[in-house]
């Protein structure tokens, strides 16, 4: 066949165990490929997902998490039925009814009035091109992306323990990760006792993150959840970041008579989050294993399988964006004038990449046709 094509749609509509919680997820998936020639192939997959919820359960530490209440502070003598009518008579929308007005919220009040809405849209997928020069030599080009765009709204009613005059909050969160890579692979057919493969590749990683968080800390009018209904000054926070990593790497696999194996790898990254003088870091690994049961022909005896392995790896890592230079934090205006503050900690303009070194030694043995066995490893890491 020269081509294949698949389209699917999935609808998940779920009502939560916690009252007044739900999750509606709609997913459309497209996957297909086409053989332009016997040697040149194209493949693509796209996934589009939407998550909607009028209320996600609150999992944080505090009075708005009903499990925090049930597990820690809810006496067994409390009648749950009396809590279902969670407004005080004549004070609906203003004062909740509960068993303890000093520390805890009515659980029904929490799940029906203090809601956490979500609308999440996600698109992810990739496009790949593969060309087979010879049976042993191939080239792969691929580019993929993962985009998330999320809106959250959080409502807190009047008389909530932490928000006596209620609150309303809107969060917009956008993130994208894009990877573009190539891989040139050479894997000739085994001749004699030896077989091997060699690959050379590269990757470009781009990340974007934007968030906007705006809240009305107190509501002027109860049950009106709008940023325009703020009793006091609006509070806001925004953050944008960018990150890029360029990489080149190579790896090789060698084997001898199906009992001695050696894997080698080498990689260099160039990260935008590190100082210009230190933004390049090299790391590598080597691992080997010996299947001594195959070497000495012991499979017919009590020992079914025996393998000794040894590995060493050096792994590099960068950091989050904006960890190199010191910048002022912009605060709320005062008397019509802008304000700025020093950072709480100083960044390091000479920051270097993280480096971890790992050593592993292991022994695996199986006895009596794999009925009994063990696998022991010694592992040491230094960062």
Protein backbone atom coordinates (compact mmCIF):
# COMPACT_ATOMS: atom_id res chain seq x y z
CA UNK A 1 0.00 0.00 0.00
CA UNK A 2 1.21 3.48 -0.84
CA UNK A 3 -0.77 5.26 1.88
CA UNK A 4 -2.70 4.83 5.11
CA UNK A 5 -5.05 7.22 6.86
CA UNK A 6 -6.92 7.19 10.18
CA UNK A 7 -9.28 9.68 11.84
CA UNK A 8 -10.83 9.25 15.28
CA UNK A 9 -13.01 11.25 17.64
CA UNK A 10 -13.36 10.54 21.36
CA UNK A 11 -15.83 12.09 23.77
CA UNK A 12 -15.39 11.62 27.52
CA UNK A 13 -18.11 13.03 29.78
CA UNK A 14 -17.48 12.33 33.42
CA UNK A 15 -19.22 13.34 36.62
CA UNK A 16 -16.89 13.41 39.59
CA UNK A 17 -17.27 11.54 42.87
CA UNK A 18 -17.05 14.92 44.60
CA UNK A 19 -20.46 16.61 44.12
CA UNK A 20 -20.73 19.32 41.44
CA UNK A 21 -17.45 18.35 39.72
CA UNK A 22 -17.13 17.23 36.12
CA UNK A 23 -14.79 16.73 33.20
CA UNK A 24 -15.69 16.84 29.51
CA UNK A 25 -12.89 15.93 27.12
CA UNK A 26 -13.16 15.91 23.33
CA UNK A 27 -10.26 14.54 21.27
CA UNK A 28 -9.82 14.47 17.51
CA UNK A 29 -6.85 12.49 16.16
CA UNK A 30 -5.50 12.33 12.64
CA UNK A 31 -2.75 9.93 11.60
CA UNK A 32 -1.56 9.18 8.10
CA UNK A 33 1.36 8.31 5.87
CA UNK A 34 2.22 8.27 2.19
CA UNK A 35 5.01 6.55 0.28
CA UNK A 36 6.10 9.08 -2.33
CA UNK A 37 8.54 6.51 -3.73
CA UNK A 38 9.93 3.19 -2.57
CA UNK A 39 12.59 5.11 -0.67
CA UNK A 40 10.84 8.33 0.37
CA UNK A 41 8.06 8.21 3.00
CA UNK A 42 6.03 10.90 4.74
CA UNK A 43 4.08 10.52 7.99
CA UNK A 44 1.96 12.94 9.98
CA UNK A 45 -0.09 12.85 13.15
CA UNK A 46 -2.20 15.62 14.68
CA UNK A 47 -4.17 15.53 17.94
CA UNK A 48 -6.65 18.23 18.97
CA UNK A 49 -7.97 18.07 22.51
CA UNK A 50 -10.37 20.23 24.53
CA UNK A 51 -10.93 19.85 28.28
CA UNK A 52 -13.89 21.66 29.82
CA UNK A 53 -14.97 21.67 33.42
CA UNK A 54 -17.30 23.89 35.40
CA UNK A 55 -15.58 22.78 38.58
CA UNK A 56 -12.41 20.80 39.24
CA UNK A 57 -11.92 19.50 42.81
CA UNK A 58 -9.71 21.66 44.99
CA UNK A 59 -6.61 19.65 45.96
CA UNK A 60 -4.61 22.32 47.75
CA UNK A 61 -3.89 22.50 51.46
CA UNK A 62 -6.54 24.55 53.18
CA UNK A 63 -10.19 24.91 54.05
CA UNK A 64 -11.45 24.78 50.43
CA UNK A 65 -10.28 21.18 50.06
CA UNK A 66 -13.10 19.06 51.50
CA UNK A 67 -10.75 16.14 52.18
CA UNK A 68 -8.66 18.44 54.37
CA UNK A 69 -11.85 19.01 56.35
CA UNK A 70 -13.02 15.38 56.47
CA UNK A 71 -9.64 13.83 57.31
CA UNK A 72 -8.48 16.37 59.88
CA UNK A 73 -11.18 18.46 61.48
CA UNK A 74 -14.66 17.06 60.85
CA UNK A 75 -16.19 15.55 64.04
CA UNK A 76 -18.12 12.31 63.66
CA UNK A 77 -21.12 13.79 65.50
CA UNK A 78 -21.83 16.36 62.76
CA UNK A 79 -25.05 15.71 60.85
CA UNK A 80 -24.18 15.99 57.15
CA UNK A 81 -27.83 16.38 56.16
CA UNK A 82 -28.05 19.67 58.03
CA UNK A 83 -25.12 20.99 55.98
CA UNK A 84 -26.87 20.59 52.62
CA UNK A 85 -28.81 23.84 53.14
CA UNK A 86 -25.60 25.85 53.32
CA UNK A 87 -26.92 29.42 53.50
CA UNK A 88 -28.12 31.03 56.71
CA UNK A 89 -31.83 31.79 56.58
CA UNK A 90 -32.39 35.32 55.35
CA UNK A 91 -28.66 35.73 54.56
CA UNK A 92 -28.49 33.76 51.31
CA UNK A 93 -25.50 34.69 49.20
CA UNK A 94 -23.86 36.48 52.13
CA UNK A 95 -23.32 34.12 55.08
CA UNK A 96 -22.80 30.39 54.91
CA UNK A 97 -24.27 28.00 57.47
CA UNK A 98 -21.82 25.61 59.12
CA UNK A 99 -20.71 23.88 62.28
CA UNK A 100 -17.58 26.01 62.81
CA UNK A 101 -17.31 29.65 61.77
CA UNK A 102 -13.76 30.13 62.99
CA UNK A 103 -11.74 27.74 60.84
CA UNK A 104 -13.75 25.64 58.37
CA UNK A 105 -16.17 25.98 55.49
CA UNK A 106 -19.33 24.00 54.98
CA UNK A 107 -18.34 21.19 52.54
CA UNK A 108 -21.51 21.65 50.43
CA UNK A 109 -20.89 25.38 50.34
CA UNK A 110 -17.38 24.69 49.09
CA UNK A 111 -18.27 22.38 46.21
CA UNK A 112 -21.31 24.33 44.99
CA UNK A 113 -20.17 27.93 45.49
CA UNK A 114 -16.35 27.91 45.48
CA UNK A 115 -15.82 26.54 41.99
CA UNK A 116 -12.68 26.10 39.87
CA UNK A 117 -13.52 26.27 36.16
CA UNK A 118 -11.19 25.16 33.38
CA UNK A 119 -11.11 25.41 29.59
CA UNK A 120 -7.97 23.79 28.17
CA UNK A 121 -7.17 23.51 24.47
CA UNK A 122 -4.21 21.40 23.37
CA UNK A 123 -2.77 20.65 19.93
CA UNK A 124 0.17 18.28 19.49
CA UNK A 125 1.65 16.27 16.66
CA UNK A 126 4.53 15.97 14.23
CA UNK A 127 5.50 15.62 10.59
CA UNK A 128 8.34 13.29 9.57
CA UNK A 129 10.17 12.60 6.32
CA UNK A 130 12.18 9.39 5.87
CA UNK A 131 14.53 8.62 3.00
CA UNK A 132 16.22 5.22 2.59
CA UNK A 133 19.39 5.82 0.53
CA UNK A 134 20.45 2.17 0.74
CA UNK A 135 19.26 -0.80 2.82
CA UNK A 136 21.81 0.28 5.44
CA UNK A 137 21.68 4.10 5.23
CA UNK A 138 18.64 6.25 6.07
CA UNK A 139 17.82 9.86 6.93
CA UNK A 140 14.93 11.06 9.06
CA UNK A 141 13.73 14.69 9.32
CA UNK A 142 11.01 15.50 11.84
CA UNK A 143 9.32 18.51 13.38
CA UNK A 144 6.74 18.41 16.14
CA UNK A 145 4.91 20.79 18.43
CA UNK A 146 2.86 20.68 21.63
CA UNK A 147 0.69 23.76 22.28
CA UNK A 148 -1.42 24.30 25.40
CA UNK A 149 -3.80 27.23 25.85
CA UNK A 150 -5.68 27.23 29.15
CA UNK A 151 -8.20 29.49 30.87
CA UNK A 152 -9.04 29.08 34.55
CA UNK A 153 -11.61 30.97 36.60
CA UNK A 154 -11.83 30.66 40.36
CA UNK A 155 -14.86 31.84 42.31
CA UNK A 156 -15.00 32.34 46.07
CA UNK A 157 -18.29 33.27 47.69
CA UNK A 158 -18.94 35.71 50.51
CA UNK A 159 -18.16 34.26 53.99
CA UNK A 160 -15.50 31.81 52.70
CA UNK A 161 -13.00 31.43 55.53
CA UNK A 162 -10.04 32.78 53.53
CA UNK A 163 -12.15 35.25 51.54
CA UNK A 164 -14.71 36.87 53.82
CA UNK A 165 -15.88 39.22 51.06
CA UNK A 166 -15.41 36.67 48.29
CA UNK A 167 -13.05 36.88 45.33
CA UNK A 168 -12.81 36.20 41.62
CA UNK A 169 -9.69 35.21 39.70
CA UNK A 170 -8.86 34.59 36.04
CA UNK A 171 -5.71 32.83 34.80
CA UNK A 172 -4.55 32.50 31.22
CA UNK A 173 -1.70 30.06 30.64
CA UNK A 174 -0.04 29.44 27.29
CA UNK A 175 2.85 27.07 26.64
CA UNK A 176 4.47 25.66 23.53
CA UNK A 177 7.31 23.23 22.98
CA UNK A 178 8.62 22.70 19.47
CA UNK A 179 11.21 20.09 18.51
CA UNK A 180 12.87 19.83 15.10
CA UNK A 181 15.42 17.06 14.63
CA UNK A 182 17.26 14.93 12.10
CA UNK A 183 18.85 11.51 12.35
CA UNK A 184 21.25 9.92 9.89
CA UNK A 185 21.53 6.19 10.61
CA UNK A 186 23.88 3.56 9.21
CA UNK A 187 23.17 -0.06 10.13
CA UNK A 188 24.76 -2.56 7.72
CA UNK A 189 23.82 -6.19 7.79
CA UNK A 190 25.93 -8.29 10.13
CA UNK A 191 28.90 -10.01 8.56
CA UNK A 192 30.77 -12.66 10.45
CA UNK A 193 30.94 -12.31 14.19
CA UNK A 194 30.54 -8.52 14.36
CA UNK A 195 27.56 -6.24 13.89
CA UNK A 196 27.30 -2.52 14.46
CA UNK A 197 25.24 0.62 13.82
CA UNK A 198 26.16 4.31 13.90
CA UNK A 199 23.83 7.32 14.06
CA UNK A 200 24.36 11.06 13.87
CA UNK A 201 21.62 13.51 14.80
CA UNK A 202 20.67 16.97 15.88
CA UNK A 203 17.79 18.70 17.61
CA UNK A 204 16.48 22.22 18.08
CA UNK A 205 14.20 22.78 21.08
CA UNK A 206 12.13 25.96 21.42
CA UNK A 207 9.93 26.63 24.44
CA UNK A 208 7.52 29.48 25.08
CA UNK A 209 5.55 30.17 28.24
CA UNK A 210 3.14 33.03 28.95
CA UNK A 211 0.89 33.44 31.96
CA UNK A 212 -1.50 36.18 33.08
CA UNK A 213 -3.13 36.10 36.52
CA UNK A 214 -5.71 38.79 37.38
CA UNK A 215 -7.90 38.75 40.48
CA UNK A 216 -10.50 40.77 42.33
CA UNK A 217 -9.46 40.14 45.97
CA UNK A 218 -12.86 41.28 47.33
CA UNK A 219 -16.26 41.51 45.67
CA UNK A 220 -18.31 44.71 45.85
CA UNK A 221 -21.57 42.84 45.24
CA UNK A 222 -22.05 39.20 46.34
CA UNK A 223 -22.43 36.50 43.68
CA UNK A 224 -21.31 38.77 40.82
CA UNK A 225 -18.13 37.10 39.56
CA UNK A 226 -16.47 39.67 37.33
CA UNK A 227 -13.21 41.60 37.49
CA UNK A 228 -15.34 44.74 37.18
CA UNK A 229 -16.98 43.88 40.51
CA UNK A 230 -13.85 44.36 42.61
CA UNK A 231 -14.26 46.22 45.89
CA UNK A 232 -10.54 47.05 46.04
CA UNK A 233 -7.73 47.49 43.54
CA UNK A 234 -7.30 44.68 41.02
CA UNK A 235 -4.24 42.47 41.58
CA UNK A 236 -2.33 41.16 38.58
CA UNK A 237 0.74 39.12 37.68
CA UNK A 238 2.24 38.33 34.29
CA UNK A 239 5.26 36.30 33.20
CA UNK A 240 6.73 35.49 29.78
CA UNK A 241 9.70 33.26 29.04
CA UNK A 242 11.59 31.86 26.06
CA UNK A 243 14.13 29.06 25.89
CA UNK A 244 16.14 27.40 23.12
CA UNK A 245 18.52 24.45 23.08
CA UNK A 246 20.51 23.39 20.01
CA UNK A 247 21.98 19.90 20.13
CA UNK A 248 24.21 17.57 18.15
CA UNK A 249 24.66 13.94 19.12
CA UNK A 250 26.00 10.59 17.95
CA UNK A 251 25.62 7.06 19.21
CA UNK A 252 26.82 3.63 18.22
CA UNK A 253 25.93 0.02 19.03
CA UNK A 254 28.44 -2.82 18.61
CA UNK A 255 28.06 -6.54 19.28
CA UNK A 256 30.26 -9.61 18.98
CA UNK A 257 28.85 -13.11 18.60
CA UNK A 258 25.66 -12.13 20.38
CA UNK A 259 27.28 -12.20 23.82
CA UNK A 260 29.41 -9.06 24.02
CA UNK A 261 27.78 -5.65 23.55
CA UNK A 262 29.03 -2.06 23.67
CA UNK A 263 26.94 1.13 23.44
CA UNK A 264 28.54 4.57 23.08
CA UNK A 265 26.97 8.03 22.94
CA UNK A 266 28.17 11.62 22.69
CA UNK A 267 26.10 14.81 22.84
CA UNK A 268 26.69 18.56 22.95
CA UNK A 269 24.03 21.12 23.87
CA UNK A 270 23.99 24.90 23.47
CA UNK A 271 21.44 26.47 25.83
CA UNK A 272 20.04 30.00 25.76
CA UNK A 273 19.52 29.99 29.55
CA UNK A 274 23.25 29.93 30.35
CA UNK A 275 25.82 32.74 29.97
CA UNK A 276 27.31 33.09 26.50
CA UNK A 277 30.73 31.93 27.71
CA UNK A 278 29.29 28.80 29.35
CA UNK A 279 26.27 27.96 27.20
CA UNK A 280 27.90 24.89 25.58
CA UNK A 281 28.26 21.62 27.47
CA UNK A 282 29.38 18.16 26.32
CA UNK A 283 28.36 14.83 27.84
CA UNK A 284 28.75 11.18 26.96
CA UNK A 285 28.07 7.61 28.03
CA UNK A 286 29.44 4.11 27.59
CA UNK A 287 27.86 0.83 28.61
CA UNK A 288 28.83 -2.76 28.04
CA UNK A 289 27.43 -6.14 28.89
CA UNK A 290 28.72 -9.69 28.68
CA UNK A 291 26.28 -12.61 28.40
CA UNK A 292 28.64 -15.17 29.94
CA UNK A 293 26.08 -17.95 29.74
CA UNK A 294 26.26 -17.62 25.95
CA UNK A 295 30.06 -17.27 25.95
CA UNK A 296 30.68 -20.47 27.92
CA UNK A 297 27.66 -22.42 26.59
CA UNK A 298 26.04 -22.89 29.99
CA UNK A 299 22.39 -22.76 28.90
CA UNK A 300 21.92 -26.54 29.08
CA UNK A 301 22.89 -26.69 32.77
CA UNK A 302 21.24 -25.22 35.85
CA UNK A 303 22.19 -21.70 34.67
CA UNK A 304 19.75 -20.55 31.98
CA UNK A 305 21.03 -17.01 31.58
CA UNK A 306 23.85 -14.93 33.03
CA UNK A 307 24.79 -11.34 32.21
CA UNK A 308 27.32 -8.91 33.65
CA UNK A 309 26.87 -5.22 32.84
CA UNK A 310 28.90 -2.07 33.41
CA UNK A 311 27.97 1.49 32.52
CA UNK A 312 29.24 5.05 32.90
CA UNK A 313 27.40 8.22 31.94
CA UNK A 314 28.02 11.92 32.22
CA UNK A 315 24.85 14.00 31.82
CA UNK A 316 24.61 17.76 31.42
CA UNK A 317 21.67 20.03 32.18
CA UNK A 318 20.83 23.70 31.94
CA UNK A 319 18.44 25.82 34.04
CA UNK A 320 15.22 27.81 33.74
CA UNK A 321 15.16 31.07 31.78
CA UNK A 322 16.35 34.33 33.38
CA UNK A 323 18.66 32.88 36.03
CA UNK A 324 21.80 34.77 34.93
CA UNK A 325 21.24 38.53 35.27
CA UNK A 326 19.70 40.52 38.12
CA UNK A 327 16.61 42.57 37.27
CA UNK A 328 14.21 44.76 39.18
CA UNK A 329 10.72 43.57 39.98
CA UNK A 330 7.99 46.01 38.94
CA UNK A 331 5.37 46.59 41.63
CA UNK A 332 2.09 48.45 41.99
CA UNK A 333 2.18 52.21 41.46
CA UNK A 334 2.23 54.52 44.46
CA UNK A 335 0.97 58.07 44.24
CA UNK A 336 0.89 57.80 40.47
CA UNK A 337 4.55 56.78 40.30
CA UNK A 338 5.85 53.36 39.27
CA UNK A 339 7.65 51.26 41.88
CA UNK A 340 10.44 48.70 41.55
CA UNK A 341 12.21 46.42 43.99
CA UNK A 342 15.42 44.45 44.21
CA UNK A 343 15.22 40.68 43.68
CA UNK A 344 14.96 38.43 46.70
CA UNK A 345 18.13 36.59 45.61
CA UNK A 346 21.07 37.32 43.32
CA UNK A 347 21.55 35.45 40.06
CA UNK A 348 24.95 34.21 38.96
CA UNK A 349 26.34 35.79 35.74
CA UNK A 350 28.99 33.02 35.63
CA UNK A 351 26.51 30.18 35.96
CA UNK A 352 27.68 26.84 34.55
CA UNK A 353 25.75 23.82 33.38
CA UNK A 354 24.85 21.05 35.80
CA UNK A 355 26.91 17.89 35.50
CA UNK A 356 25.97 14.45 36.81
CA UNK A 357 28.23 11.40 36.69
CA UNK A 358 26.75 7.95 37.05
CA UNK A 359 28.35 4.54 37.43
CA UNK A 360 26.40 1.28 37.38
CA UNK A 361 27.54 -2.30 37.84
CA UNK A 362 25.05 -5.14 37.63
CA UNK A 363 24.71 -8.90 37.56
CA UNK A 364 21.66 -10.80 36.31
CA UNK A 365 21.30 -14.59 36.54
CA UNK A 366 18.47 -17.00 35.77
CA UNK A 367 18.38 -20.67 36.80
CA UNK A 368 16.40 -23.81 35.96
CA UNK A 369 14.89 -22.55 32.69
CA UNK A 370 14.19 -19.08 34.12
CA UNK A 371 12.18 -20.40 37.07
CA UNK A 372 14.51 -18.77 39.60
CA UNK A 373 16.65 -15.69 39.21
CA UNK A 374 18.01 -12.45 40.59
CA UNK A 375 19.16 -9.06 39.33
CA UNK A 376 21.60 -7.02 41.45
CA UNK A 377 22.77 -3.48 40.68
CA UNK A 378 25.25 -1.11 42.26
CA UNK A 379 24.58 2.51 41.36
CA UNK A 380 26.39 5.71 42.24
CA UNK A 381 25.64 9.28 41.15
CA UNK A 382 27.57 12.47 41.78
CA UNK A 383 26.18 15.84 40.71
